[in-house]
Amino acid sequence: MAEPTAPAVLENFLAAVDLGSNSFHMVVAEESGSEIRLLDRLRDGVRLAEGLRDDGSLDPEVEQRALACLARFGQRLRGIHPDRVRVIGTNTLRQASAAEGFIRAIEETLGYPVEVVAGREEARLVYLGVAHSLAVDACERRLVIDIGGGSTELIAGKGFTPNLRESLHFGCVASTRAFFPHDAITLTACEQLERRVRMAVEPMLDEFSRHGWDQVVGSSGTVKAIARILAENGQGLRITRSGMHWLREQIIRLGSVRALSQIKGLKADRAPVFPGGFVILHGLFESLCLQEMRFSEGALREGAIYDLLGRIHQEDTREMSIRSLQERFHSQTSRNARVAQWTDHFYAVAAAAWHLHDGHRQWLRWAALTYDIGLDIAHSGFHKHGEYIWRNGDIAGFSRREQGVVAALIRAQRKRLPSPAQLRDLEIGVEDIAPLQKLAVLLRLAILFHRGATPPMAPPGLTVTGTHLTLSLAASWEAGMPLLAADLEQEQEWIMPDFHLRW
């Protein structure tokens, strides 16, 4: 048998994979001029949330089911450049605290890195996908609801801009398991789940009401299933309040998950998770006083495609978030820009010797531009305050991994350089520990040279040999910069034993 030929490089293709708690989705698109043309959609009802255990691990059988699906997805992705593919993990992977091995297996199967995103970032991508799937009026206000397997996202926005983003910690898979165990569907269980929805929505109700909306759009498999059922049973082409009441009566009358197969229009693969998803949406209709909802095919994976396109064409949401952090926490932006330039210079010298790549370069730049944000809270321990902001903030565009490594870099800018064990305690992945230590050394050097009122005009020469760094400074520099001399002496001590500094 002849050897298979390598796939051609698909230069204009883009793809996004949504590792949802109920279903895995993939879209493949082609960039044609200023337009995006969707070429392929794939979906598999993996039900990842079913395998989530109390200790944060995943059931091996569910893992294998997921990896088998991704092997099929991976074949379709071959030939697409890594910079043009995003793989997004959502609620179940956020909750799976003991799933590092599974995530590595996903990356090996697909051939692309996984980004586990926070709930509000998931909501932003959902809104972006919905907005691009509709005929958008720049002045139109919109409420978007996405009921996933493990979480439910609510987003209020205007045009292409999401203004309010919330992620509720329940979805169709988890809620069906919790409220409708042993196949039974009762009125009491429905009322209990609806009460939970009302309690979750209550704290944000005023803010969403003040924002208002001109239309309500649903984007999930649950919403699609409800829309189909209502249409096929003569209840209208859109989801209405009266249609939701009618369907609720049918579900309670049937009384079991198994009996839902009698509902015209409900597909067999949706039935096992349908009760939880339906009751969540019914609770949202009641809590938010909704009258009508339309369905949109656009969702997180389409949002990830358009967000990726923005990154490619210098409209990166992450850059806007960096500027927002600088403004909110009163950064010294001109000084930080110089620090970022110096770190980039040091990176260019060290990259080859230290096996660093462009992703590491981005982490270093983001940390350099925001290393001082903790000063807005207090000078004492400001590096720890900056770390907290980065680690816990809802920072649009960033994955949890990206936020974690930038947070660790900002924490590592002062005092003794964190050891590999300390970085593990900061929840840094094994593969990121060694490069993060190296990036921290470069960041520390750039900051150190900018402590004085008049920093040098240009960065000094730097030589990197293994863990040894040598600075080339002008003759008799020490007499004119005693503070820098003292700082270098201290820095030499603080980065040992992992690194050694000479000048």
Protein backbone atom coordinates (compact mmCIF):
# COMPACT_ATOMS: atom_id res chain seq x y z
CA MET A 1 0.00 0.00 0.00
CA ALA A 2 1.34 3.44 -0.90
CA GLU A 3 2.19 5.84 1.90
CA PRO A 4 -0.53 8.51 2.40
CA THR A 5 0.47 11.88 1.07
CA ALA A 6 0.81 14.81 3.46
CA PRO A 7 -2.22 17.13 3.40
CA ALA A 8 -1.85 20.37 1.51
CA VAL A 9 -1.48 23.52 3.60
CA LEU A 10 -4.88 25.22 3.62
CA GLU A 11 -3.69 28.80 3.94
CA ASN A 12 -7.07 30.57 3.89
CA PHE A 13 -8.90 28.09 6.10
CA LEU A 14 -9.95 28.70 9.71
CA ALA A 15 -11.48 26.28 12.19
CA ALA A 16 -12.92 26.25 15.69
CA VAL A 17 -13.68 23.28 17.93
CA ASP A 18 -16.11 23.71 20.85
CA LEU A 19 -15.55 21.08 23.55
CA GLY A 20 -18.97 21.53 25.13
CA SER A 21 -20.30 19.71 28.16
CA ASN A 22 -23.04 18.04 26.10
CA SER A 23 -21.85 18.14 22.49
CA PHE A 24 -18.57 18.69 20.68
CA HIS A 25 -18.89 20.99 17.66
CA MET A 26 -16.48 21.94 14.90
CA VAL A 27 -16.78 24.50 12.13
CA VAL A 28 -14.38 24.93 9.24
CA ALA A 29 -14.47 28.15 7.22
CA GLU A 30 -12.59 29.79 4.39
CA GLU A 31 -11.50 33.42 4.42
CA SER A 32 -12.35 34.95 1.06
CA GLY A 33 -11.50 38.63 0.84
CA SER A 34 -13.46 40.37 3.57
CA GLU A 35 -15.93 37.49 3.94
CA ILE A 36 -16.06 34.19 5.79
CA ARG A 37 -17.58 31.20 4.03
CA LEU A 38 -18.55 28.27 6.27
CA LEU A 39 -17.49 25.01 4.63
CA ASP A 40 -18.24 22.33 7.16
CA ARG A 41 -20.01 21.72 10.47
CA LEU A 42 -19.58 18.61 12.60
CA ARG A 43 -21.34 17.71 15.84
CA ASP A 44 -21.13 14.75 18.20
CA GLY A 45 -23.20 14.30 21.37
CA VAL A 46 -20.31 13.28 23.62
CA ARG A 47 -22.01 14.34 26.91
CA LEU A 48 -18.73 15.05 28.62
CA ALA A 49 -20.48 16.34 31.75
CA GLU A 50 -21.85 12.83 32.41
CA GLY A 51 -18.31 11.68 33.13
CA LEU A 52 -17.37 14.39 35.63
CA ARG A 53 -16.70 12.87 39.06
CA ASP A 54 -16.82 14.57 42.46
CA ASP A 55 -13.01 14.52 42.74
CA GLY A 56 -12.60 16.50 39.49
CA SER A 57 -11.58 13.49 37.38
CA LEU A 58 -13.39 12.18 34.31
CA ASP A 59 -14.76 8.70 33.73
CA PRO A 60 -12.35 6.81 31.41
CA GLU A 61 -15.21 5.56 29.24
CA VAL A 62 -16.40 9.13 28.61
CA GLU A 63 -12.82 10.20 27.91
CA GLN A 64 -12.47 7.51 25.26
CA ARG A 65 -15.81 8.51 23.73
CA ALA A 66 -14.57 12.09 23.51
CA LEU A 67 -11.20 11.16 22.03
CA ALA A 68 -12.84 8.97 19.39
CA CYS A 69 -14.93 11.96 18.32
CA LEU A 70 -11.88 14.22 18.23
CA ALA A 71 -9.94 11.73 16.10
CA ARG A 72 -12.62 12.25 13.45
CA PHE A 73 -12.47 16.02 13.91
CA GLY A 74 -8.67 15.93 13.70
CA GLN A 75 -8.77 14.33 10.25
CA ARG A 76 -10.82 17.28 8.96
CA LEU A 77 -8.40 19.80 10.51
CA ARG A 78 -5.24 18.46 8.90
CA GLY A 79 -3.42 21.04 6.85
CA ILE A 80 -4.86 24.09 8.61
CA HIS A 81 -2.15 26.29 10.14
CA PRO A 82 -2.07 26.18 13.99
CA ASP A 83 -2.48 29.96 14.16
CA ARG A 84 -5.83 29.59 12.37
CA VAL A 85 -7.41 26.97 14.64
CA ARG A 86 -8.95 27.44 18.09
CA VAL A 87 -9.98 24.60 20.39
CA ILE A 88 -12.17 25.91 23.21
CA GLY A 89 -12.91 24.05 26.45
CA THR A 90 -15.96 25.15 28.44
CA ASN A 91 -17.72 24.32 31.71
CA THR A 92 -16.86 20.65 32.24
CA LEU A 93 -13.17 21.22 31.49
CA ARG A 94 -13.29 24.25 33.83
CA GLN A 95 -14.65 21.98 36.57
CA ALA A 96 -12.39 19.01 35.83
CA SER A 97 -9.55 19.92 38.16
CA ALA A 98 -7.83 16.56 37.69
CA ALA A 99 -8.04 16.44 33.88
CA GLU A 100 -4.52 17.55 32.82
CA GLY A 101 -3.80 14.17 31.28
CA PHE A 102 -7.08 14.22 29.37
CA ILE A 103 -6.38 17.70 28.00
CA ARG A 104 -2.95 16.56 26.82
CA ALA A 105 -4.62 13.58 25.13
CA ILE A 106 -7.02 15.97 23.37
CA GLU A 107 -4.10 18.04 22.12
CA GLU A 108 -2.26 14.96 20.87
CA THR A 109 -5.39 13.66 19.13
CA LEU A 110 -6.29 16.93 17.43
CA GLY A 111 -2.77 18.29 16.95
CA TYR A 112 -3.73 21.72 18.33
CA PRO A 113 -3.62 23.29 21.82
CA VAL A 114 -6.73 23.52 24.01
CA GLU A 115 -7.88 26.84 25.52
CA VAL A 116 -10.08 26.41 28.59
CA VAL A 117 -12.00 29.69 28.90
CA ALA A 118 -13.83 31.29 31.81
CA GLY A 119 -17.62 31.52 31.82
CA ARG A 120 -17.79 35.18 30.84
CA GLU A 121 -15.31 34.67 28.03
CA GLU A 122 -17.49 31.81 26.82
CA ALA A 123 -20.45 34.21 26.94
CA ARG A 124 -18.56 36.81 24.88
CA LEU A 125 -17.74 34.28 22.16
CA VAL A 126 -21.35 33.05 22.09
CA TYR A 127 -22.62 36.60 21.59
CA LEU A 128 -20.08 37.24 18.84
CA GLY A 129 -21.18 34.08 17.01
CA VAL A 130 -24.86 34.97 17.30
CA ALA A 131 -24.32 38.58 16.20
CA HIS A 132 -22.45 37.51 13.08
CA SER A 133 -25.15 34.99 12.18
CA LEU A 134 -27.91 37.64 12.16
CA ALA A 135 -28.60 40.72 10.11
CA VAL A 136 -27.15 43.13 12.65
CA ASP A 137 -28.41 46.64 13.23
CA ALA A 138 -25.67 48.59 15.05
CA CYS A 139 -28.31 50.16 17.30
CA GLU A 140 -30.28 47.00 18.03
CA ARG A 141 -30.18 45.70 21.59
CA ARG A 142 -30.13 41.95 21.96
CA LEU A 143 -30.45 39.38 24.75
CA VAL A 144 -28.69 36.10 23.93
CA ILE A 145 -29.25 32.88 25.89
CA ASP A 146 -27.11 29.77 25.43
CA ILE A 147 -27.95 26.65 27.45
CA GLY A 148 -24.97 24.34 27.40
CA GLY A 149 -24.47 20.98 29.04
CA GLY A 150 -22.83 22.39 32.18
CA SER A 151 -23.54 26.13 32.19
CA THR A 152 -25.99 28.70 30.86
CA GLU A 153 -24.78 31.99 29.41
CA LEU A 154 -26.78 35.24 29.42
CA ILE A 155 -25.47 38.15 27.36
CA ALA A 156 -27.03 41.55 26.71
CA GLY A 157 -25.45 43.59 23.96
CA LYS A 158 -25.87 46.11 21.20
CA GLY A 159 -24.85 45.37 17.63
CA PHE A 160 -21.61 43.36 17.79
CA THR A 161 -20.73 44.51 21.32
CA PRO A 162 -21.60 42.39 24.38
CA ASN A 163 -22.23 44.73 27.30
CA LEU A 164 -23.35 42.37 30.08
CA ARG A 165 -22.03 38.81 30.34
CA GLU A 166 -23.04 36.23 32.93
CA SER A 167 -22.44 32.50 33.20
CA LEU A 168 -24.81 30.49 35.41
CA HIS A 169 -23.47 27.27 36.89
CA PHE A 170 -26.08 24.86 35.56
CA GLY A 171 -26.85 23.36 32.16
CA CYS A 172 -28.96 20.68 30.51
CA VAL A 173 -26.81 17.63 31.36
CA ALA A 174 -26.07 18.42 35.00
CA SER A 175 -29.61 19.67 35.70
CA THR A 176 -31.28 16.63 34.15
CA ARG A 177 -29.10 14.37 36.31
CA ALA A 178 -29.70 16.40 39.48
CA PHE A 179 -33.43 17.11 39.22
CA PHE A 180 -34.79 14.22 37.16
CA PRO A 181 -32.95 11.11 38.39
CA HIS A 182 -34.22 7.59 37.73
CA ASP A 183 -36.07 8.74 34.60
CA ALA A 184 -38.87 10.50 36.54
CA ILE A 185 -40.19 13.97 35.60
CA THR A 186 -42.41 15.50 38.29
CA LEU A 187 -44.05 18.87 38.80
CA THR A 188 -42.15 19.27 42.08
CA ALA A 189 -38.78 18.70 40.40
CA CYS A 190 -39.64 21.21 37.64
CA GLU A 191 -40.60 23.82 40.23
CA GLN A 192 -37.39 23.20 42.19
CA LEU A 193 -35.21 23.74 39.11
CA GLU A 194 -37.21 26.83 38.09
CA ARG A 195 -36.69 28.20 41.60
CA ARG A 196 -32.95 27.69 41.24
CA VAL A 197 -33.01 29.60 37.95
CA ARG A 198 -34.95 32.49 39.53
CA MET A 199 -32.50 32.68 42.44
CA ALA A 200 -29.53 32.76 40.05
CA VAL A 201 -31.07 35.48 37.86
CA GLU A 202 -32.36 37.69 40.68
CA PRO A 203 -29.04 39.47 41.50
CA MET A 204 -28.53 40.52 37.85
CA LEU A 205 -32.16 41.23 36.96
CA ASP A 206 -32.07 44.99 37.48
CA GLU A 207 -28.92 45.47 35.43
CA PHE A 208 -30.22 43.40 32.51
CA SER A 209 -33.61 45.13 32.68
CA ARG A 210 -31.98 48.56 32.56
CA HIS A 211 -29.96 47.51 29.51
CA GLY A 212 -33.08 46.23 27.79
CA TRP A 213 -33.39 44.36 24.50
CA ASP A 214 -35.22 44.61 21.21
CA GLN A 215 -35.00 40.90 20.49
CA VAL A 216 -34.19 37.67 22.32
CA VAL A 217 -32.07 35.00 20.63
CA GLY A 218 -31.28 31.45 21.74
CA SER A 219 -28.27 29.63 20.36
CA SER A 220 -28.00 26.17 21.91
CA GLY A 221 -29.11 22.65 21.04
CA THR A 222 -31.82 22.93 23.68
CA VAL A 223 -33.26 26.04 22.05
CA LYS A 224 -33.07 24.44 18.60
CA ALA A 225 -34.92 21.35 19.86
CA ILE A 226 -37.66 23.43 21.49
CA ALA A 227 -38.12 25.53 18.35
CA ARG A 228 -38.47 22.37 16.24
CA ILE A 229 -40.97 20.77 18.62
CA LEU A 230 -43.17 23.87 18.77
CA ALA A 231 -43.12 24.27 14.98
CA GLU A 232 -43.99 20.61 14.31
CA ASN A 233 -46.82 20.70 16.82
CA GLY A 234 -48.50 23.80 15.44
CA GLN A 235 -47.31 26.13 18.20
CA GLY A 236 -45.70 28.73 15.92
CA LEU A 237 -42.42 29.29 14.11
CA ARG A 238 -40.81 31.02 17.09
CA ILE A 239 -40.53 30.12 20.75
CA THR A 240 -43.26 31.98 22.61
CA ARG A 241 -44.38 32.19 26.19
CA SER A 242 -47.61 30.33 25.39
CA GLY A 243 -45.67 27.68 23.47
CA MET A 244 -43.36 27.14 26.44
CA HIS A 245 -46.36 26.71 28.76
CA TRP A 246 -47.89 24.18 26.36
CA LEU A 247 -44.67 22.14 26.17
CA ARG A 248 -44.20 22.19 29.94
CA GLU A 249 -47.64 20.62 30.36
CA GLN A 250 -46.78 17.89 27.84
CA ILE A 251 -43.51 17.04 29.58
CA ILE A 252 -45.09 16.81 33.04
CA ARG A 253 -48.01 14.78 31.64
CA LEU A 254 -45.63 12.23 30.10
CA GLY A 255 -43.82 11.94 33.43
CA SER A 256 -40.58 10.28 32.39
CA VAL A 257 -37.49 10.90 30.28
CA ARG A 258 -38.15 7.68 28.36
CA ALA A 259 -41.67 8.81 27.46
CA LEU A 260 -40.37 12.03 25.88
CA SER A 261 -39.87 10.03 22.67
CA GLN A 262 -43.63 10.49 22.14
CA ILE A 263 -43.16 14.23 21.59
CA LYS A 264 -43.26 14.96 17.88
CA GLY A 265 -40.08 16.69 16.74
CA LEU A 266 -37.78 15.66 19.63
CA LYS A 267 -34.75 13.76 18.37
CA ALA A 268 -33.68 10.63 20.24
CA ASP A 269 -30.17 11.90 21.04
CA ARG A 270 -31.55 15.09 22.64
CA ALA A 271 -34.20 13.40 24.84
CA PRO A 272 -31.85 12.22 27.67
CA VAL A 273 -30.80 15.82 28.48
CA PHE A 274 -33.92 17.65 27.33
CA PRO A 275 -35.85 18.03 30.63
CA GLY A 276 -33.08 20.00 32.36
CA GLY A 277 -32.49 22.28 29.38
CA PHE A 278 -36.19 22.92 28.80
CA VAL A 279 -36.95 23.76 32.43
CA ILE A 280 -33.95 26.13 32.60
CA LEU A 281 -35.28 28.01 29.56
CA HIS A 282 -38.79 28.04 30.99
CA GLY A 283 -37.41 29.48 34.22
CA LEU A 284 -35.58 32.18 32.25
CA PHE A 285 -38.76 33.03 30.32
CA GLU A 286 -40.56 33.53 33.63
CA SER A 287 -37.74 35.33 35.47
CA LEU A 288 -36.97 37.74 32.62
CA CYS A 289 -40.62 38.12 31.51
CA LEU A 290 -39.75 37.03 27.97
CA GLN A 291 -42.49 36.86 25.36
CA GLU A 292 -40.70 35.51 22.29
CA MET A 293 -37.34 34.04 21.27
CA ARG A 294 -35.79 33.21 17.92
CA PHE A 295 -33.14 30.56 17.29
CA SER A 296 -29.68 31.25 15.82
CA GLU A 297 -27.32 28.65 14.39
CA GLY A 298 -24.41 30.90 15.35
CA ALA A 299 -22.83 30.10 18.72
CA LEU A 300 -19.47 29.79 20.46
CA ARG A 301 -17.63 28.05 17.61
CA GLU A 302 -18.67 30.73 15.09
CA GLY A 303 -17.74 33.40 17.63
CA ALA A 304 -14.31 31.81 18.02
CA ILE A 305 -13.86 31.91 14.22
CA TYR A 306 -14.62 35.64 14.05
CA ASP A 307 -12.51 36.37 17.11
CA LEU A 308 -9.64 34.44 15.52
CA LEU A 309 -10.08 36.44 12.32
CA GLY A 310 -9.74 39.62 14.38
CA ARG A 311 -6.45 38.38 15.84
CA ILE A 312 -5.12 37.65 12.38
CA HIS A 313 -6.02 41.13 11.12
CA GLN A 314 -4.75 43.11 14.11
CA GLU A 315 -8.11 43.49 15.84
CA ASP A 316 -7.19 41.25 18.75
CA THR A 317 -9.65 41.47 21.64
CA ARG A 318 -6.76 40.67 23.97
CA GLU A 319 -4.97 43.88 22.98
CA MET A 320 -8.09 45.88 23.81
CA SER A 321 -8.25 44.12 27.18
CA ILE A 322 -4.61 45.03 27.88
CA ARG A 323 -5.39 48.70 27.19
CA SER A 324 -8.46 48.45 29.41
CA LEU A 325 -6.39 47.02 32.28
CA GLN A 326 -3.82 49.79 31.89
CA GLU A 327 -6.51 52.45 31.98
CA ARG A 328 -8.50 50.94 34.82
CA PHE A 329 -5.47 50.47 37.07
CA HIS A 330 -3.63 53.66 36.05
CA SER A 331 -0.53 52.06 34.53
CA GLN A 332 2.45 54.18 33.53
CA THR A 333 1.85 53.28 29.89
CA SER A 334 4.86 55.03 28.34
CA ARG A 335 7.26 53.41 30.82
CA ASN A 336 5.57 50.02 30.39
CA ALA A 337 5.90 50.32 26.62
CA ARG A 338 9.67 50.83 27.05
CA VAL A 339 9.85 47.84 29.38
CA ALA A 340 8.00 45.78 26.77
CA GLN A 341 10.51 46.90 24.10
CA TRP A 342 13.42 45.85 26.30
CA THR A 343 11.86 42.48 27.09
CA ASP A 344 11.39 41.94 23.37
CA HIS A 345 15.08 42.73 22.81
CA PHE A 346 16.14 40.31 25.54
CA TYR A 347 13.73 37.68 24.19
CA ALA A 348 15.26 37.94 20.70
CA VAL A 349 18.71 37.23 22.20
CA ALA A 350 17.60 34.33 24.41
CA ALA A 351 14.90 32.63 22.31
CA ALA A 352 17.09 30.21 20.39
CA ALA A 353 19.25 29.20 23.36
CA TRP A 354 16.21 28.73 25.59
CA HIS A 355 13.89 27.15 23.00
CA LEU A 356 11.24 29.85 23.34
CA HIS A 357 8.51 30.44 20.75
CA ASP A 358 6.19 33.25 19.69
CA GLY A 359 3.53 32.25 22.21
CA HIS A 360 6.06 32.82 25.00
CA ARG A 361 6.89 36.17 23.45
CA GLN A 362 3.23 37.19 23.75
CA TRP A 363 3.07 36.19 27.42
CA LEU A 364 6.17 38.26 28.12
CA ARG A 365 4.78 41.31 26.32
CA TRP A 366 1.42 41.18 28.13
CA ALA A 367 3.18 40.92 31.48
CA ALA A 368 5.52 43.81 30.66
CA LEU A 369 2.62 46.08 29.65
CA THR A 370 0.69 45.42 32.87
CA TYR A 371 3.34 44.57 35.46
CA ASP A 372 2.43 47.63 37.58
CA ILE A 373 -1.37 47.27 37.78
CA GLY A 374 -1.14 46.05 41.38
CA LEU A 375 0.20 49.48 42.44
CA ASP A 376 -3.33 50.84 42.14
CA ILE A 377 -4.25 48.69 45.14
CA ALA A 378 -1.14 49.14 47.29
CA HIS A 379 2.61 49.51 46.85
CA SER A 380 3.33 46.86 49.44
CA GLY A 381 3.10 43.50 47.68
CA PHE A 382 1.94 45.09 44.43
CA HIS A 383 3.25 42.12 42.44
CA LYS A 384 0.85 39.88 44.39
CA HIS A 385 -2.05 42.27 43.79
CA GLY A 386 -1.26 42.29 40.06
CA GLU A 387 -1.15 38.51 40.05
CA TYR A 388 -4.57 38.35 41.73
CA ILE A 389 -6.11 40.69 39.14
CA TRP A 390 -4.78 38.64 36.24
CA ARG A 391 -5.66 35.29 37.77
CA ASN A 392 -9.20 36.14 38.85
CA GLY A 393 -10.38 38.86 36.49
CA ASP A 394 -12.80 38.35 33.60
CA ILE A 395 -10.36 39.53 30.93
CA ALA A 396 -11.93 39.30 27.47
CA GLY A 397 -10.11 37.25 24.87
CA PHE A 398 -7.80 35.33 27.20
CA SER A 399 -7.89 31.64 28.02
CA ARG A 400 -7.45 30.50 31.60
CA ARG A 401 -3.98 29.21 30.73
CA GLU A 402 -2.95 32.60 29.33
CA GLN A 403 -4.28 34.42 32.37
CA GLY A 404 -2.52 31.98 34.67
CA VAL A 405 0.91 32.32 33.08
CA VAL A 406 0.75 36.13 32.88
CA ALA A 407 -0.39 36.21 36.51
CA ALA A 408 2.60 34.05 37.47
CA LEU A 409 5.00 36.27 35.50
CA ILE A 410 3.74 39.36 37.30
CA ARG A 411 4.05 37.58 40.64
CA ALA A 412 7.64 36.56 39.72
CA GLN A 413 8.83 40.09 38.92
CA ARG A 414 10.01 40.78 42.48
CA LYS A 415 11.83 39.07 45.35
CA ARG A 416 13.20 35.57 44.95
CA LEU A 417 12.51 33.85 41.62
CA PRO A 418 9.81 31.18 42.14
CA SER A 419 11.09 27.62 41.98
CA PRO A 420 9.45 24.99 39.75
CA ALA A 421 7.64 23.60 42.83
CA GLN A 422 6.27 27.05 43.67
CA LEU A 423 5.08 27.53 40.10
CA ARG A 424 3.27 24.19 40.29
CA ASP A 425 1.56 25.50 43.44
CA LEU A 426 0.42 28.47 41.32
CA GLU A 427 -1.31 25.92 39.03
CA ILE A 428 1.15 26.35 36.17
CA GLY A 429 1.16 23.37 33.81
CA VAL A 430 4.26 21.19 33.72
CA GLU A 431 5.08 22.18 30.13
CA ASP A 432 4.96 25.91 31.00
CA ILE A 433 7.16 25.91 34.11
CA ALA A 434 10.63 25.99 32.50
CA PRO A 435 9.83 28.66 29.88
CA LEU A 436 7.97 30.74 32.47
CA GLN A 437 11.02 30.85 34.74
CA LYS A 438 13.15 32.04 31.81
CA LEU A 439 10.62 34.68 30.78
CA ALA A 440 10.48 35.91 34.38
CA VAL A 441 14.25 36.50 34.37
CA LEU A 442 13.98 38.59 31.19
CA LEU A 443 11.06 40.57 32.61
CA ARG A 444 12.90 41.23 35.87
CA LEU A 445 15.96 42.56 34.01
CA ALA A 446 13.89 44.93 31.87
CA ILE A 447 12.02 46.28 34.92
CA LEU A 448 15.23 46.63 36.92
CA PHE A 449 16.80 48.93 34.30
CA HIS A 450 13.70 51.18 34.40
CA ARG A 451 13.64 51.83 38.12
CA GLY A 452 15.54 55.11 37.88
CA ALA A 453 14.18 58.44 36.69
CA THR A 454 16.42 58.34 33.60
CA PRO A 455 16.83 54.77 32.34
CA PRO A 456 19.48 54.00 29.72
CA MET A 457 18.54 54.97 26.18
CA ALA A 458 19.06 51.43 24.85
CA PRO A 459 19.20 47.97 26.42
CA PRO A 460 22.63 46.56 27.23
CA GLY A 461 24.15 43.67 25.37
CA LEU A 462 23.11 40.26 26.65
CA THR A 463 24.68 36.85 26.18
CA VAL A 464 22.81 33.68 27.19
CA THR A 465 24.62 30.37 27.67
CA GLY A 466 22.48 27.75 29.36
CA THR A 467 21.42 29.23 32.69
CA HIS A 468 24.15 31.87 32.65
CA LEU A 469 23.34 35.45 31.58
CA THR A 470 26.04 38.04 30.96
CA LEU A 471 25.29 41.76 30.57
CA SER A 472 27.62 44.04 28.58
CA LEU A 473 27.62 47.48 30.25
CA ALA A 474 29.54 50.62 29.35
CA ALA A 475 32.85 51.29 31.05
CA SER A 476 32.60 53.10 34.40
CA TRP A 477 28.78 52.75 34.37
CA GLU A 478 28.75 51.89 38.07
CA ALA A 479 29.86 55.33 39.21
CA GLY A 480 26.90 57.01 37.50
CA MET A 481 24.30 54.39 38.45
CA PRO A 482 24.85 53.23 42.04
CA LEU A 483 21.19 52.19 42.43
CA LEU A 484 21.43 49.93 39.39
CA ALA A 485 24.65 48.43 40.72
CA ALA A 486 22.97 47.59 44.02
CA ASP A 487 19.92 46.18 42.22
CA LEU A 488 22.06 43.93 40.05
CA GLU A 489 23.88 42.58 43.10
CA GLN A 490 20.53 41.77 44.72
CA GLU A 491 19.11 40.31 41.50
CA GLN A 492 22.11 38.01 41.17
CA GLU A 493 21.23 36.51 44.54
CA TRP A 494 17.46 36.33 43.97
CA ILE A 495 17.57 34.33 40.73
CA MET A 496 20.00 31.72 42.06
CA PRO A 497 20.33 28.72 42.04
CA ASP A 498 18.28 28.35 38.83
CA PHE A 499 20.07 31.17 36.96
CA HIS A 500 23.39 33.02 37.22
CA LEU A 501 23.88 36.67 36.32
CA ARG A 502 27.22 38.38 35.48
CA TRP A 503 28.24 41.76 34.11
